[in-house]
Every structure is written in structure tokens, then in C-alpha cells.
Amino acid sequence: MKTNMGFTDKIIRLLVAAAIAILFFTDVITGTLGIILLVVAGIFVLTSLVSFCPLYLPFGLSTLRKKKSS
């Protein structure tokens, strides 16, 4: 797997996952929607940890900054 996520992308995903988890465990979101969002939060955490998002591949996206050539 080639990394395709930048630092800012990873931080945003982790913050969104944390917000979803807090809302779920404080019973603000419940039921089927809560479980689905909790799974999405888990996917956000996983993709942030491995710095790879499989959904970026088909679209050719990458949030990594290009390294400057000296």
C-alpha cells in the first residue's frame, strides 16, 4: 500500500471519529444510525493509522504534499 493521506487529512479523520464516539457513548446518537456511524468512525481511525484510504485510489486522489526537489 502506498500512502495517500496527508497529516491534516489524518487529524481531521481522527477528530471526526472522536466526535462520533463521544456522541454515541453519551447517547446523543443511538440505534442503527449510531452503530453505522460508530463503524464509520472505526474506519476513519484505521485509515488514519495506516495513512491509506482505499476510496482515494479509483479517483486518483492523494492529500500528501509533494516533496520539493532540491
C-alpha atoms as a PDB file:
ATOM      1  CA  MET A   1       0.000   0.000   0.000  1.00  0.00           C
ATOM      2  CA  LYS A   2       1.293   3.382  -0.969  1.00  0.00           C
ATOM      3  CA  THR A   3       0.383   6.117   1.498  1.00  0.00           C
ATOM      4  CA  ASN A   4      -2.056   8.659   0.111  1.00  0.00           C
ATOM      5  CA  MET A   5      -3.120  10.635   3.192  1.00  0.00           C
ATOM      6  CA  GLY A   6      -1.520  13.791   4.479  1.00  0.00           C
ATOM      7  CA  PHE A   7      -1.149  14.913   8.078  1.00  0.00           C
ATOM      8  CA  THR A   8      -4.144  17.275   8.003  1.00  0.00           C
ATOM      9  CA  ASP A   9      -6.382  14.584   6.494  1.00  0.00           C
ATOM     10  CA  LYS A  10      -5.410  12.152   9.260  1.00  0.00           C
ATOM     11  CA  ILE A  11      -6.043  14.712  12.028  1.00  0.00           C
ATOM     12  CA  ILE A  12      -9.472  15.633  10.624  1.00  0.00           C
ATOM     13  CA  ARG A  13     -10.462  11.957  10.405  1.00  0.00           C
ATOM     14  CA  LEU A  14      -9.344  11.320  13.988  1.00  0.00           C
ATOM     15  CA  LEU A  15     -11.276  14.367  15.257  1.00  0.00           C
ATOM     16  CA  VAL A  16     -14.432  13.308  13.399  1.00  0.00           C
ATOM     17  CA  ALA A  17     -14.077   9.757  14.762  1.00  0.00           C
ATOM     18  CA  ALA A  18     -13.646  11.087  18.297  1.00  0.00           C
ATOM     19  CA  ALA A  19     -16.717  13.308  17.934  1.00  0.00           C
ATOM     20  CA  ILE A  20     -18.815  10.383  16.669  1.00  0.00           C
ATOM     21  CA  ALA A  21     -17.615   8.166  19.527  1.00  0.00           C
ATOM     22  CA  ILE A  22     -18.417  10.834  22.119  1.00  0.00           C
ATOM     23  CA  LEU A  23     -21.888  11.370  20.654  1.00  0.00           C
ATOM     24  CA  PHE A  24     -22.535   7.629  20.585  1.00  0.00           C
ATOM     25  CA  PHE A  25     -21.369   6.916  24.127  1.00  0.00           C
ATOM     26  CA  THR A  26     -23.301   9.884  25.553  1.00  0.00           C
ATOM     27  CA  ASP A  27     -26.466   8.567  23.846  1.00  0.00           C
ATOM     28  CA  VAL A  28     -26.889  11.590  21.589  1.00  0.00           C
ATOM     29  CA  ILE A  29     -26.937   9.257  18.581  1.00  0.00           C
ATOM     30  CA  THR A  30     -28.432   5.813  19.128  1.00  0.00           C
ATOM     31  CA  GLY A  31     -29.865   2.837  17.326  1.00  0.00           C
ATOM     32  CA  THR A  32     -28.942   1.754  13.839  1.00  0.00           C
ATOM     33  CA  LEU A  33     -27.629   5.188  12.858  1.00  0.00           C
ATOM     34  CA  GLY A  34     -25.382   5.230  15.912  1.00  0.00           C
ATOM     35  CA  ILE A  35     -23.934   1.818  15.112  1.00  0.00           C
ATOM     36  CA  ILE A  36     -23.345   2.732  11.466  1.00  0.00           C
ATOM     37  CA  LEU A  37     -21.605   5.974  12.456  1.00  0.00           C
ATOM     38  CA  LEU A  38     -19.508   4.115  15.022  1.00  0.00           C
ATOM     39  CA  VAL A  39     -18.347   1.707  12.300  1.00  0.00           C
ATOM     40  CA  VAL A  40     -17.511   4.691  10.071  1.00  0.00           C
ATOM     41  CA  ALA A  41     -15.545   6.195  12.975  1.00  0.00           C
ATOM     42  CA  GLY A  42     -13.609   2.941  13.321  1.00  0.00           C
ATOM     43  CA  ILE A  43     -12.794   3.000   9.608  1.00  0.00           C
ATOM     44  CA  PHE A  44     -11.615   6.616   9.941  1.00  0.00           C
ATOM     45  CA  VAL A  45      -9.285   5.638  12.787  1.00  0.00           C
ATOM     46  CA  LEU A  46      -7.948   2.622  10.902  1.00  0.00           C
ATOM     47  CA  THR A  47      -7.282   4.558   7.692  1.00  0.00           C
ATOM     48  CA  SER A  48      -5.603   7.328   9.694  1.00  0.00           C
ATOM     49  CA  LEU A  49      -3.284   4.881  11.395  1.00  0.00           C
ATOM     50  CA  VAL A  50      -2.171   3.231   8.145  1.00  0.00           C
ATOM     51  CA  SER A  51      -2.147   6.527   6.154  1.00  0.00           C
ATOM     52  CA  PHE A  52      -4.025   4.883   3.299  1.00  0.00           C
ATOM     53  CA  CYS A  53      -7.579   5.460   2.060  1.00  0.00           C
ATOM     54  CA  PRO A  54      -8.784   2.870  -0.472  1.00  0.00           C
ATOM     55  CA  LEU A  55     -11.519   5.216  -1.723  1.00  0.00           C
ATOM     56  CA  TYR A  56      -8.870   7.639  -2.988  1.00  0.00           C
ATOM     57  CA  LEU A  57      -7.463   5.054  -5.433  1.00  0.00           C
ATOM     58  CA  PRO A  58     -10.249   4.957  -8.064  1.00  0.00           C
ATOM     59  CA  PHE A  59     -10.309   8.754  -8.210  1.00  0.00           C
ATOM     60  CA  GLY A  60      -6.542   9.200  -8.200  1.00  0.00           C
ATOM     61  CA  LEU A  61      -6.666  11.399  -5.110  1.00  0.00           C
ATOM     62  CA  SER A  62      -3.907  11.998  -2.619  1.00  0.00           C
ATOM     63  CA  THR A  63      -3.656  14.503   0.208  1.00  0.00           C
ATOM     64  CA  LEU A  64       0.078  14.002   0.629  1.00  0.00           C
ATOM     65  CA  ARG A  65       2.221  17.030  -0.019  1.00  0.00           C
ATOM     66  CA  LYS A  66       4.640  16.715  -2.870  1.00  0.00           C
ATOM     67  CA  LYS A  67       8.267  16.639  -1.775  1.00  0.00           C
ATOM     68  CA  LYS A  68      10.301  19.517  -3.129  1.00  0.00           C
ATOM     69  CA  SER A  69      13.230  18.526  -5.310  1.00  0.00           C
ATOM     70  CA  SER A  70      16.491  20.196  -4.396  1.00  0.00           C
END
